[in-house]
């Protein structure tokens, strides 16, 4: 029997991508556990955490995956993206190089992930506005030209973090609902499951649950 807090209507796998050091792990820990660490270490391999939200009277459980941004972990790419229905593409607003590399990450995402994946560009570390190297207008224009959503966040002071995850999860749910209505349910994306957990694929031994609670 499932515990009450473990019950959910839908389970969505969302991946965090972007250069090392842009704050992906802190976005994950801030959203799932409301924690932040100034001296957090680089992620080794893969980790994931879960949290549930309510939308349209449904309980949506997000399984959020975080992987290291360093090149030596590229081999896990295809397995990491498998089954993902959402992606947060993160850069650091105080380091323009991390924004320049967004193009490469977006290409990788479109090469390896499902074509219907919902993508959001996230400018993290908005608390470092005095060190800003990427303007909001520049990032917004890039997002619009690529047909993806955009938001700025700060894992440090929490601003925009819940909004970012709520928005992408709601958009995934709405997209799934529209697809189900158009196709009578038969064409609903198989990556979006109802009541079935998305297990780690191909690298179970590398993945470790970070203990996130629903």
N, C-alpha and C. Protein backbone atom coordinates (compact mmCIF):
# COMPACT_ATOMS: atom_id res chain seq x y z
N UNK A 1 0.84 -1.20 0.00
CA UNK A 1 0.00 0.00 0.00
C UNK A 1 0.88 1.26 0.00
N UNK A 2 0.49 2.23 -0.82
CA UNK A 2 1.23 3.49 -0.85
C UNK A 2 0.84 4.35 0.34
N UNK A 3 1.81 5.02 0.90
CA UNK A 3 1.51 6.01 1.93
C UNK A 3 0.80 7.18 1.26
N UNK A 4 0.03 7.93 2.05
CA UNK A 4 -0.72 9.05 1.49
C UNK A 4 0.19 10.02 0.75
N UNK A 5 1.39 10.31 1.32
CA UNK A 5 2.27 11.30 0.71
C UNK A 5 2.94 10.76 -0.57
N UNK A 6 2.85 9.44 -0.78
CA UNK A 6 3.44 8.85 -1.98
C UNK A 6 2.45 8.72 -3.13
N UNK A 7 1.21 9.11 -2.91
CA UNK A 7 0.20 8.98 -3.95
C UNK A 7 0.27 10.18 -4.90
N UNK A 8 0.17 9.88 -6.17
CA UNK A 8 0.21 10.94 -7.18
C UNK A 8 -0.51 10.47 -8.43
N UNK A 9 -0.91 11.43 -9.25
CA UNK A 9 -1.62 11.11 -10.49
C UNK A 9 -0.67 10.95 -11.66
N UNK A 10 0.37 11.78 -11.70
CA UNK A 10 1.32 11.74 -12.81
C UNK A 10 2.74 11.90 -12.28
N UNK A 11 3.67 11.27 -12.97
CA UNK A 11 5.08 11.38 -12.62
C UNK A 11 5.84 11.86 -13.85
N UNK A 12 6.51 13.00 -13.71
CA UNK A 12 7.24 13.61 -14.83
C UNK A 12 8.73 13.64 -14.52
N UNK A 13 9.52 13.17 -15.46
CA UNK A 13 10.98 13.25 -15.32
C UNK A 13 11.46 14.56 -15.96
N UNK A 14 12.15 15.37 -15.16
CA UNK A 14 12.70 16.65 -15.61
C UNK A 14 14.20 16.63 -15.39
N UNK A 15 14.97 17.05 -16.40
CA UNK A 15 16.43 17.06 -16.27
C UNK A 15 16.96 18.48 -16.16
N UNK A 16 18.04 18.62 -15.42
CA UNK A 16 18.76 19.89 -15.29
C UNK A 16 20.03 19.79 -16.12
N UNK A 17 20.25 20.73 -17.03
CA UNK A 17 21.46 20.73 -17.84
C UNK A 17 22.08 22.11 -17.85
N UNK A 18 23.35 22.16 -18.21
CA UNK A 18 24.08 23.42 -18.23
C UNK A 18 25.50 23.20 -17.74
N UNK A 19 26.32 24.22 -17.88
CA UNK A 19 27.72 24.11 -17.48
C UNK A 19 27.87 23.81 -16.00
N UNK A 20 29.03 23.25 -15.66
CA UNK A 20 29.35 23.01 -14.26
C UNK A 20 29.47 24.34 -13.53
N UNK A 21 28.93 24.41 -12.31
CA UNK A 21 29.06 25.61 -11.50
C UNK A 21 27.96 26.65 -11.67
N UNK A 22 26.94 26.36 -12.50
CA UNK A 22 25.88 27.36 -12.70
C UNK A 22 24.80 27.28 -11.61
N UNK A 23 24.88 26.25 -10.77
CA UNK A 23 23.94 26.16 -9.66
C UNK A 23 22.82 25.15 -9.83
N UNK A 24 23.01 24.16 -10.71
CA UNK A 24 21.96 23.17 -10.94
C UNK A 24 21.62 22.40 -9.67
N UNK A 25 22.66 21.95 -8.95
CA UNK A 25 22.41 21.14 -7.75
C UNK A 25 21.70 21.95 -6.68
N UNK A 26 22.04 23.24 -6.56
CA UNK A 26 21.37 24.07 -5.56
C UNK A 26 19.93 24.39 -5.96
N UNK A 27 19.65 24.48 -7.25
CA UNK A 27 18.26 24.63 -7.69
C UNK A 27 17.46 23.39 -7.29
N UNK A 28 18.06 22.23 -7.50
CA UNK A 28 17.41 20.97 -7.13
C UNK A 28 17.14 20.91 -5.63
N UNK A 29 18.17 21.21 -4.82
CA UNK A 29 18.00 21.10 -3.37
C UNK A 29 17.09 22.19 -2.82
N UNK A 30 17.10 23.38 -3.43
CA UNK A 30 16.21 24.46 -2.98
C UNK A 30 14.75 24.10 -3.24
N UNK A 31 14.47 23.56 -4.42
CA UNK A 31 13.08 23.22 -4.75
C UNK A 31 12.58 22.01 -3.97
N UNK A 32 13.40 20.97 -3.86
CA UNK A 32 12.92 19.73 -3.24
C UNK A 32 13.05 19.69 -1.72
N UNK A 33 14.05 20.40 -1.17
CA UNK A 33 14.28 20.33 0.28
C UNK A 33 14.38 21.70 0.95
N UNK A 34 14.28 22.76 0.14
CA UNK A 34 14.46 24.12 0.64
C UNK A 34 15.81 24.29 1.34
N UNK A 35 16.84 23.74 0.70
CA UNK A 35 18.19 23.83 1.23
C UNK A 35 19.11 24.49 0.20
N UNK A 36 20.16 25.12 0.72
CA UNK A 36 21.16 25.75 -0.15
C UNK A 36 22.53 25.62 0.52
N UNK A 37 23.56 25.32 -0.28
CA UNK A 37 24.91 25.20 0.27
C UNK A 37 25.86 26.06 -0.55
N UNK A 38 26.53 27.00 0.11
CA UNK A 38 27.49 27.86 -0.59
C UNK A 38 28.71 27.09 -1.05
N UNK A 39 29.06 26.02 -0.33
CA UNK A 39 30.26 25.28 -0.69
C UNK A 39 29.93 23.88 -1.21
N UNK A 40 28.81 23.80 -1.97
CA UNK A 40 28.43 22.50 -2.51
C UNK A 40 29.47 22.04 -3.54
N UNK A 41 29.76 20.75 -3.50
CA UNK A 41 30.76 20.17 -4.41
C UNK A 41 30.13 19.92 -5.78
N UNK A 42 30.98 19.79 -6.80
CA UNK A 42 30.49 19.43 -8.13
C UNK A 42 29.83 18.07 -8.08
N UNK A 43 28.73 17.95 -8.79
CA UNK A 43 28.02 16.68 -8.84
C UNK A 43 28.88 15.63 -9.54
N UNK A 44 28.94 14.45 -8.94
CA UNK A 44 29.69 13.35 -9.54
C UNK A 44 28.66 12.37 -10.10
N UNK A 45 28.70 12.16 -11.41
CA UNK A 45 27.72 11.25 -12.01
C UNK A 45 26.34 11.87 -12.02
N UNK A 46 25.37 11.19 -11.40
CA UNK A 46 23.98 11.62 -11.47
C UNK A 46 23.32 11.52 -10.11
N UNK A 47 22.43 12.43 -9.82
CA UNK A 47 21.59 12.29 -8.64
C UNK A 47 20.20 12.80 -8.99
N UNK A 48 19.22 12.39 -8.21
CA UNK A 48 17.88 12.90 -8.46
C UNK A 48 17.12 13.04 -7.16
N UNK A 49 16.09 13.85 -7.17
CA UNK A 49 15.22 14.04 -6.02
C UNK A 49 13.80 14.24 -6.55
N UNK A 50 12.83 14.10 -5.67
CA UNK A 50 11.44 14.22 -6.09
C UNK A 50 10.67 15.21 -5.22
N UNK A 51 9.65 15.77 -5.82
CA UNK A 51 8.73 16.64 -5.09
C UNK A 51 7.41 16.69 -5.86
N UNK A 52 6.32 16.78 -5.12
CA UNK A 52 5.00 16.82 -5.76
C UNK A 52 4.40 18.22 -5.69
N UNK A 53 3.64 18.56 -6.73
CA UNK A 53 2.89 19.82 -6.75
C UNK A 53 1.45 19.50 -7.13
N UNK A 54 0.57 20.46 -6.91
CA UNK A 54 -0.84 20.31 -7.29
C UNK A 54 -1.12 21.25 -8.46
N UNK A 55 -1.80 20.75 -9.47
CA UNK A 55 -2.25 21.60 -10.57
C UNK A 55 -3.52 21.01 -11.15
N UNK A 56 -4.51 21.86 -11.35
CA UNK A 56 -5.77 21.43 -11.95
C UNK A 56 -6.39 20.26 -11.19
N UNK A 57 -6.21 20.27 -9.87
CA UNK A 57 -6.79 19.21 -9.04
C UNK A 57 -6.03 17.89 -9.09
N UNK A 58 -4.91 17.86 -9.79
CA UNK A 58 -4.11 16.65 -9.91
C UNK A 58 -2.81 16.80 -9.11
N UNK A 59 -2.31 15.68 -8.61
CA UNK A 59 -1.01 15.66 -7.95
C UNK A 59 0.04 15.20 -8.95
N UNK A 60 0.99 16.09 -9.20
CA UNK A 60 2.06 15.79 -10.15
C UNK A 60 3.36 15.63 -9.37
N UNK A 61 3.97 14.48 -9.52
CA UNK A 61 5.23 14.22 -8.85
C UNK A 61 6.36 14.44 -9.85
N UNK A 62 7.27 15.32 -9.51
CA UNK A 62 8.41 15.60 -10.38
C UNK A 62 9.60 14.77 -9.90
N UNK A 63 10.22 14.06 -10.83
CA UNK A 63 11.47 13.36 -10.55
C UNK A 63 12.54 14.16 -11.30
N UNK A 64 13.34 14.91 -10.54
CA UNK A 64 14.26 15.88 -11.14
C UNK A 64 15.68 15.33 -11.09
N UNK A 65 16.31 15.27 -12.27
CA UNK A 65 17.63 14.68 -12.42
C UNK A 65 18.69 15.76 -12.62
N UNK A 66 19.80 15.58 -11.92
CA UNK A 66 20.91 16.53 -12.00
C UNK A 66 22.17 15.75 -12.33
N UNK A 67 22.94 16.23 -13.30
CA UNK A 67 24.19 15.56 -13.65
C UNK A 67 25.31 16.58 -13.74
N UNK A 68 26.51 16.10 -13.64
CA UNK A 68 27.67 16.98 -13.72
C UNK A 68 27.76 17.63 -15.10
N UNK A 69 28.20 18.89 -15.13
CA UNK A 69 28.32 19.60 -16.39
C UNK A 69 29.66 19.39 -17.07
N UNK A 70 30.58 18.67 -16.40
CA UNK A 70 31.91 18.48 -16.98
C UNK A 70 31.88 17.51 -18.14
N UNK A 71 32.77 17.71 -19.06
CA UNK A 71 32.81 16.90 -20.28
C UNK A 71 33.00 15.41 -20.02
N UNK A 72 33.70 15.04 -18.95
CA UNK A 72 34.02 13.62 -18.77
C UNK A 72 32.78 12.77 -18.47
N UNK A 73 31.65 13.42 -18.21
CA UNK A 73 30.44 12.65 -17.95
C UNK A 73 29.51 12.60 -19.16
N UNK A 74 30.01 12.94 -20.33
CA UNK A 74 29.16 13.00 -21.51
C UNK A 74 28.63 11.63 -21.91
N UNK A 75 29.32 10.58 -21.51
CA UNK A 75 28.94 9.24 -21.96
C UNK A 75 27.55 8.82 -21.47
N UNK A 76 27.07 9.43 -20.41
CA UNK A 76 25.76 9.03 -19.87
C UNK A 76 24.62 9.79 -20.54
N UNK A 77 24.95 10.61 -21.52
CA UNK A 77 23.98 11.51 -22.12
C UNK A 77 22.66 10.86 -22.52
N UNK A 78 22.72 9.85 -23.39
CA UNK A 78 21.48 9.29 -23.93
C UNK A 78 20.60 8.68 -22.83
N UNK A 79 21.23 8.01 -21.87
CA UNK A 79 20.46 7.41 -20.77
C UNK A 79 19.87 8.49 -19.87
N UNK A 80 20.63 9.57 -19.68
CA UNK A 80 20.16 10.67 -18.82
C UNK A 80 18.89 11.30 -19.37
N UNK A 81 18.83 11.47 -20.68
CA UNK A 81 17.67 12.13 -21.30
C UNK A 81 16.48 11.21 -21.53
N UNK A 82 16.71 9.91 -21.50
CA UNK A 82 15.64 8.98 -21.83
C UNK A 82 14.45 9.12 -20.88
N UNK A 83 13.27 9.30 -21.44
CA UNK A 83 12.06 9.41 -20.63
C UNK A 83 11.79 10.80 -20.09
N UNK A 84 12.71 11.75 -20.33
CA UNK A 84 12.51 13.11 -19.81
C UNK A 84 11.45 13.84 -20.62
N UNK A 85 10.54 14.51 -19.92
CA UNK A 85 9.50 15.29 -20.59
C UNK A 85 9.69 16.79 -20.37
N UNK A 86 10.69 17.15 -19.57
CA UNK A 86 11.00 18.56 -19.33
C UNK A 86 12.47 18.75 -19.07
N UNK A 87 12.98 19.95 -19.39
CA UNK A 87 14.40 20.24 -19.16
C UNK A 87 14.56 21.71 -18.75
N UNK A 88 15.34 21.93 -17.71
CA UNK A 88 15.73 23.28 -17.32
C UNK A 88 17.16 23.48 -17.78
N UNK A 89 17.37 24.41 -18.71
CA UNK A 89 18.69 24.70 -19.27
C UNK A 89 19.24 25.91 -18.52
N UNK A 90 20.21 25.66 -17.65
CA UNK A 90 20.65 26.66 -16.67
C UNK A 90 21.97 27.31 -17.05
N UNK A 91 22.04 28.64 -16.89
CA UNK A 91 23.31 29.36 -17.02
C UNK A 91 23.43 30.32 -15.84
N UNK A 92 24.61 30.88 -15.66
CA UNK A 92 24.91 31.80 -14.56
C UNK A 92 24.89 33.23 -15.13
N UNK A 93 24.03 34.09 -14.61
CA UNK A 93 23.89 35.44 -15.17
C UNK A 93 25.17 36.26 -15.02
N UNK A 94 26.07 35.82 -14.14
CA UNK A 94 27.31 36.59 -13.92
C UNK A 94 28.49 36.07 -14.76
N UNK A 95 28.25 35.02 -15.55
CA UNK A 95 29.32 34.44 -16.38
C UNK A 95 28.79 34.24 -17.80
N UNK A 96 29.19 35.13 -18.70
CA UNK A 96 28.63 35.10 -20.05
C UNK A 96 28.98 33.81 -20.80
N UNK A 97 30.12 33.20 -20.47
CA UNK A 97 30.51 31.97 -21.15
C UNK A 97 29.47 30.87 -20.94
N UNK A 98 28.88 30.83 -19.75
CA UNK A 98 27.87 29.79 -19.48
C UNK A 98 26.62 30.02 -20.32
N UNK A 99 26.36 31.29 -20.67
CA UNK A 99 25.25 31.61 -21.56
C UNK A 99 25.61 31.28 -23.01
N UNK A 100 26.86 31.57 -23.38
CA UNK A 100 27.33 31.23 -24.73
C UNK A 100 27.18 29.73 -24.99
N UNK A 101 27.41 28.93 -23.95
CA UNK A 101 27.36 27.47 -24.10
C UNK A 101 25.94 26.91 -24.13
N UNK A 102 24.95 27.76 -23.88
CA UNK A 102 23.55 27.32 -23.92
C UNK A 102 23.22 26.72 -25.29
N UNK A 103 23.79 27.31 -26.34
CA UNK A 103 23.52 26.83 -27.70
C UNK A 103 23.93 25.36 -27.85
N UNK A 104 25.09 25.02 -27.30
CA UNK A 104 25.57 23.63 -27.38
C UNK A 104 24.67 22.70 -26.57
N UNK A 105 24.27 23.14 -25.39
CA UNK A 105 23.39 22.33 -24.55
C UNK A 105 22.03 22.12 -25.22
N UNK A 106 21.54 23.17 -25.85
CA UNK A 106 20.23 23.07 -26.51
C UNK A 106 20.30 22.08 -27.68
N UNK A 107 21.41 22.12 -28.41
CA UNK A 107 21.59 21.18 -29.52
C UNK A 107 21.65 19.75 -29.01
N UNK A 108 22.39 19.54 -27.93
CA UNK A 108 22.49 18.21 -27.35
C UNK A 108 21.12 17.72 -26.90
N UNK A 109 20.38 18.60 -26.28
CA UNK A 109 19.04 18.26 -25.80
C UNK A 109 18.15 17.82 -26.96
N UNK A 110 18.20 18.58 -28.04
CA UNK A 110 17.35 18.26 -29.19
C UNK A 110 17.84 17.04 -29.95
N UNK A 111 19.13 16.72 -29.82
CA UNK A 111 19.67 15.52 -30.46
C UNK A 111 19.29 14.25 -29.70
N UNK A 112 19.21 14.34 -28.38
CA UNK A 112 19.05 13.15 -27.55
C UNK A 112 17.70 13.00 -26.88
N UNK A 113 16.98 14.09 -26.67
CA UNK A 113 15.70 14.01 -25.95
C UNK A 113 14.53 13.89 -26.91
N UNK A 114 13.38 13.58 -26.36
CA UNK A 114 12.16 13.48 -27.16
C UNK A 114 11.85 14.85 -27.79
N UNK A 115 11.35 14.83 -29.02
CA UNK A 115 11.10 16.08 -29.74
C UNK A 115 10.03 16.94 -29.08
N UNK A 116 9.19 16.34 -28.23
CA UNK A 116 8.12 17.10 -27.57
C UNK A 116 8.52 17.60 -26.18
N UNK A 117 9.78 17.44 -25.81
CA UNK A 117 10.20 17.86 -24.47
C UNK A 117 9.97 19.36 -24.26
N UNK A 118 9.53 19.72 -23.07
CA UNK A 118 9.29 21.13 -22.72
C UNK A 118 10.58 21.69 -22.14
N UNK A 119 11.05 22.80 -22.72
CA UNK A 119 12.35 23.37 -22.32
C UNK A 119 12.17 24.77 -21.73
N UNK A 120 12.89 25.03 -20.65
CA UNK A 120 12.89 26.36 -20.05
C UNK A 120 14.33 26.82 -19.85
N UNK A 121 14.65 28.01 -20.33
CA UNK A 121 15.96 28.62 -20.11
C UNK A 121 15.94 29.31 -18.75
N UNK A 122 16.93 29.01 -17.92
CA UNK A 122 16.96 29.54 -16.55
C UNK A 122 18.25 30.31 -16.31
N UNK A 123 18.12 31.61 -16.06
CA UNK A 123 19.27 32.43 -15.69
C UNK A 123 19.40 32.42 -14.17
N UNK A 124 20.30 31.61 -13.65
CA UNK A 124 20.42 31.46 -12.20
C UNK A 124 21.40 32.48 -11.61
N UNK A 125 21.39 32.58 -10.29
CA UNK A 125 22.23 33.50 -9.50
C UNK A 125 21.83 34.96 -9.75
N UNK A 126 20.52 35.20 -9.82
CA UNK A 126 20.04 36.57 -10.02
C UNK A 126 20.36 37.47 -8.84
N UNK A 127 20.76 36.88 -7.72
CA UNK A 127 21.20 37.68 -6.57
C UNK A 127 22.52 38.38 -6.86
N UNK A 128 23.26 37.91 -7.88
CA UNK A 128 24.54 38.54 -8.25
C UNK A 128 24.32 39.62 -9.31
N UNK A 129 23.25 40.39 -9.16
CA UNK A 129 22.91 41.40 -10.17
C UNK A 129 24.01 42.44 -10.35
N UNK A 130 24.79 42.68 -9.27
CA UNK A 130 25.89 43.65 -9.36
C UNK A 130 27.05 43.11 -10.21
N UNK A 131 27.03 41.80 -10.50
CA UNK A 131 28.06 41.18 -11.33
C UNK A 131 27.48 40.71 -12.66
N UNK A 132 26.28 41.15 -12.96
CA UNK A 132 25.56 40.65 -14.13
C UNK A 132 26.37 40.83 -15.41
N UNK A 133 26.48 39.71 -16.18
CA UNK A 133 27.17 39.74 -17.47
C UNK A 133 26.22 39.43 -18.62
N UNK A 134 25.05 38.87 -18.29
CA UNK A 134 24.04 38.53 -19.29
C UNK A 134 22.77 39.30 -18.97
N UNK A 135 22.37 40.20 -19.85
CA UNK A 135 21.17 40.99 -19.58
C UNK A 135 19.92 40.13 -19.72
N UNK A 136 18.89 40.51 -18.99
CA UNK A 136 17.61 39.82 -19.08
C UNK A 136 17.09 39.88 -20.51
N UNK A 137 17.28 41.04 -21.15
CA UNK A 137 16.78 41.24 -22.51
C UNK A 137 17.47 40.30 -23.51
N UNK A 138 18.79 40.13 -23.35
CA UNK A 138 19.53 39.24 -24.25
C UNK A 138 19.04 37.80 -24.12
N UNK A 139 18.88 37.36 -22.88
CA UNK A 139 18.44 35.98 -22.65
C UNK A 139 17.01 35.78 -23.11
N UNK A 140 16.16 36.76 -22.87
CA UNK A 140 14.76 36.67 -23.28
C UNK A 140 14.65 36.59 -24.80
N UNK A 141 15.45 37.38 -25.49
CA UNK A 141 15.43 37.36 -26.95
C UNK A 141 15.89 36.00 -27.48
N UNK A 142 16.91 35.42 -26.83
CA UNK A 142 17.39 34.11 -27.24
C UNK A 142 16.30 33.06 -27.05
N UNK A 143 15.65 33.11 -25.89
CA UNK A 143 14.59 32.14 -25.60
C UNK A 143 13.45 32.25 -26.61
N UNK A 144 13.05 33.49 -26.90
CA UNK A 144 11.96 33.70 -27.85
C UNK A 144 12.32 33.19 -29.24
N UNK A 145 13.55 33.42 -29.65
CA UNK A 145 13.97 33.00 -30.99
C UNK A 145 14.05 31.48 -31.11
N UNK A 146 14.18 30.79 -29.97
CA UNK A 146 14.25 29.33 -29.98
C UNK A 146 12.96 28.67 -29.50
N UNK A 147 11.95 29.48 -29.24
CA UNK A 147 10.65 28.95 -28.86
C UNK A 147 10.62 28.25 -27.52
N UNK A 148 11.42 28.76 -26.56
CA UNK A 148 11.43 28.15 -25.23
C UNK A 148 11.10 29.21 -24.18
N UNK A 149 10.66 28.75 -23.02
CA UNK A 149 10.31 29.66 -21.92
C UNK A 149 11.59 30.19 -21.28
N UNK A 150 11.46 31.26 -20.49
CA UNK A 150 12.62 31.87 -19.83
C UNK A 150 12.23 32.41 -18.47
N UNK A 151 13.14 32.25 -17.51
CA UNK A 151 12.94 32.81 -16.18
C UNK A 151 14.32 33.02 -15.54
N UNK A 152 14.41 33.99 -14.63
CA UNK A 152 15.62 34.16 -13.83
C UNK A 152 15.34 33.71 -12.41
N UNK A 153 16.33 33.06 -11.81
CA UNK A 153 16.15 32.50 -10.47
C UNK A 153 17.37 32.80 -9.60
N UNK A 154 17.19 32.58 -8.31
CA UNK A 154 18.32 32.59 -7.38
C UNK A 154 18.10 31.45 -6.39
N UNK A 155 18.93 30.42 -6.48
CA UNK A 155 18.84 29.33 -5.52
C UNK A 155 19.24 29.82 -4.13
N UNK A 156 20.06 30.89 -4.08
CA UNK A 156 20.51 31.44 -2.81
C UNK A 156 19.36 32.06 -2.02
N UNK A 157 18.61 32.98 -2.67
CA UNK A 157 17.52 33.63 -1.94
C UNK A 157 16.13 33.09 -2.31
N UNK A 158 16.10 32.03 -3.08
CA UNK A 158 14.86 31.31 -3.44
C UNK A 158 14.02 31.97 -4.53
N UNK A 159 14.35 33.17 -4.94
CA UNK A 159 13.49 33.87 -5.88
C UNK A 159 13.40 33.13 -7.22
N UNK A 160 12.17 32.92 -7.66
CA UNK A 160 11.90 32.32 -8.95
C UNK A 160 12.03 30.81 -9.02
N UNK A 161 12.56 30.18 -7.98
CA UNK A 161 12.83 28.74 -8.06
C UNK A 161 11.54 27.93 -8.13
N UNK A 162 10.65 28.14 -7.15
CA UNK A 162 9.38 27.42 -7.18
C UNK A 162 8.59 27.74 -8.45
N UNK A 163 8.63 29.02 -8.84
CA UNK A 163 7.91 29.44 -10.05
C UNK A 163 8.41 28.70 -11.28
N UNK A 164 9.72 28.56 -11.39
CA UNK A 164 10.31 27.87 -12.55
C UNK A 164 9.81 26.43 -12.64
N UNK A 165 9.89 25.70 -11.53
CA UNK A 165 9.46 24.30 -11.55
C UNK A 165 7.94 24.18 -11.72
N UNK A 166 7.20 25.05 -11.04
CA UNK A 166 5.74 25.02 -11.19
C UNK A 166 5.34 25.26 -12.64
N UNK A 167 5.98 26.25 -13.28
CA UNK A 167 5.65 26.59 -14.65
C UNK A 167 5.94 25.45 -15.62
N UNK A 168 7.11 24.84 -15.49
CA UNK A 168 7.46 23.79 -16.45
C UNK A 168 6.60 22.54 -16.23
N UNK A 169 6.32 22.20 -14.97
CA UNK A 169 5.50 21.03 -14.69
C UNK A 169 4.06 21.23 -15.15
N UNK A 170 3.55 22.46 -14.95
CA UNK A 170 2.20 22.77 -15.40
C UNK A 170 2.11 22.73 -16.92
N UNK A 171 3.16 23.26 -17.58
CA UNK A 171 3.15 23.25 -19.05
C UNK A 171 3.22 21.83 -19.59
N UNK A 172 3.99 20.96 -18.95
CA UNK A 172 4.05 19.56 -19.36
C UNK A 172 2.68 18.92 -19.22
N UNK A 173 2.04 19.16 -18.07
CA UNK A 173 0.72 18.59 -17.82
C UNK A 173 -0.31 19.08 -18.84
N UNK A 174 -0.28 20.39 -19.13
CA UNK A 174 -1.22 20.94 -20.08
C UNK A 174 -0.98 20.41 -21.49
N UNK A 175 0.28 20.26 -21.84
CA UNK A 175 0.63 19.72 -23.16
C UNK A 175 0.15 18.28 -23.28
N UNK A 176 0.34 17.51 -22.21
CA UNK A 176 -0.12 16.14 -22.19
C UNK A 176 -1.64 16.06 -22.29
N UNK A 177 -2.31 16.96 -21.59
CA UNK A 177 -3.78 16.97 -21.60
C UNK A 177 -4.31 17.29 -23.00
N UNK A 178 -3.69 18.29 -23.66
CA UNK A 178 -4.12 18.64 -25.02
C UNK A 178 -3.89 17.48 -25.97
N UNK A 179 -2.74 16.82 -25.82
CA UNK A 179 -2.41 15.70 -26.70
C UNK A 179 -3.41 14.56 -26.49
N UNK A 180 -3.77 14.33 -25.23
CA UNK A 180 -4.72 13.26 -24.92
C UNK A 180 -6.09 13.56 -25.51
N UNK A 181 -6.50 14.84 -25.43
CA UNK A 181 -7.81 15.22 -25.96
C UNK A 181 -7.85 15.07 -27.48
N UNK A 182 -6.76 15.52 -28.13
CA UNK A 182 -6.72 15.45 -29.59
C UNK A 182 -6.68 14.01 -30.06
N UNK A 183 -5.89 13.19 -29.36
CA UNK A 183 -5.72 11.80 -29.79
C UNK A 183 -6.59 10.81 -29.06
N UNK A 184 -7.53 11.33 -28.27
CA UNK A 184 -8.40 10.43 -27.53
C UNK A 184 -7.66 9.59 -26.51
N UNK A 185 -6.47 10.10 -26.13
CA UNK A 185 -5.68 9.40 -25.12
C UNK A 185 -4.70 8.41 -25.71
N UNK A 186 -4.95 7.98 -26.94
CA UNK A 186 -4.10 6.95 -27.52
C UNK A 186 -2.71 7.44 -27.85
N UNK A 187 -2.59 8.75 -28.14
CA UNK A 187 -1.30 9.28 -28.55
C UNK A 187 -0.54 9.97 -27.42
N UNK A 188 -1.05 9.83 -26.22
CA UNK A 188 -0.37 10.47 -25.09
C UNK A 188 1.06 9.98 -25.00
N UNK A 189 1.96 10.89 -24.70
CA UNK A 189 3.39 10.56 -24.65
C UNK A 189 3.64 9.44 -23.64
N UNK A 190 4.30 8.40 -24.09
CA UNK A 190 4.57 7.26 -23.21
C UNK A 190 5.52 7.62 -22.09
N UNK A 191 6.24 8.74 -22.26
CA UNK A 191 7.17 9.16 -21.21
C UNK A 191 6.44 9.70 -20.00
N UNK A 192 5.19 10.09 -20.19
CA UNK A 192 4.40 10.64 -19.10
C UNK A 192 3.59 9.51 -18.50
N UNK A 193 3.90 9.13 -17.30
CA UNK A 193 3.29 7.96 -16.72
C UNK A 193 2.28 8.33 -15.66
N UNK A 194 1.36 7.43 -15.43
CA UNK A 194 0.35 7.62 -14.39
C UNK A 194 0.50 6.51 -13.38
N UNK A 195 1.05 6.85 -12.23
CA UNK A 195 1.17 5.88 -11.16
C UNK A 195 2.36 4.94 -11.28
N UNK A 196 3.18 5.08 -12.32
CA UNK A 196 4.35 4.22 -12.48
C UNK A 196 5.62 5.05 -12.35
N UNK A 197 6.53 4.67 -11.45
CA UNK A 197 7.76 5.45 -11.29
C UNK A 197 8.69 5.30 -12.48
N UNK A 198 9.44 6.35 -12.76
CA UNK A 198 10.46 6.30 -13.81
C UNK A 198 11.76 5.90 -13.13
N UNK A 199 12.22 4.70 -13.40
CA UNK A 199 13.41 4.19 -12.73
C UNK A 199 14.67 4.71 -13.42
N UNK A 200 15.78 4.78 -12.70
CA UNK A 200 17.04 5.13 -13.35
C UNK A 200 17.31 4.17 -14.49
N UNK A 201 17.77 4.70 -15.61
CA UNK A 201 17.99 3.87 -16.79
C UNK A 201 19.48 3.73 -17.07
N UNK A 202 19.95 2.51 -17.14
CA UNK A 202 21.30 2.20 -17.59
C UNK A 202 22.43 2.54 -16.62
N UNK A 203 22.18 3.45 -15.68
CA UNK A 203 23.28 3.79 -14.79
C UNK A 203 22.78 3.83 -13.35
N UNK A 204 22.04 2.76 -12.98
CA UNK A 204 21.49 2.70 -11.62
C UNK A 204 22.56 2.86 -10.55
N UNK A 205 23.73 2.28 -10.79
CA UNK A 205 24.77 2.34 -9.77
C UNK A 205 25.38 3.72 -9.64
N UNK A 206 25.28 4.53 -10.70
CA UNK A 206 25.82 5.88 -10.64
C UNK A 206 24.84 6.82 -9.96
N UNK A 207 23.53 6.53 -10.13
CA UNK A 207 22.51 7.42 -9.61
C UNK A 207 22.34 7.19 -8.12
N UNK A 208 22.12 8.25 -7.41
CA UNK A 208 21.82 8.11 -5.99
C UNK A 208 20.70 9.07 -5.65
N UNK A 209 19.75 8.59 -4.90
CA UNK A 209 18.66 9.47 -4.50
C UNK A 209 19.22 10.46 -3.49
N UNK A 210 18.89 11.73 -3.68
CA UNK A 210 19.40 12.74 -2.73
C UNK A 210 18.42 12.92 -1.58
N UNK A 211 17.48 11.98 -1.45
CA UNK A 211 16.64 11.99 -0.27
C UNK A 211 15.52 13.00 -0.32
N UNK A 212 15.25 13.55 -1.49
CA UNK A 212 14.17 14.53 -1.61
C UNK A 212 12.85 13.90 -1.26
N UNK A 213 12.06 14.66 -0.58
CA UNK A 213 10.76 14.16 -0.16
C UNK A 213 9.67 14.78 -0.99
N UNK A 214 8.53 14.11 -1.06
CA UNK A 214 7.41 14.62 -1.86
C UNK A 214 6.80 15.80 -1.15
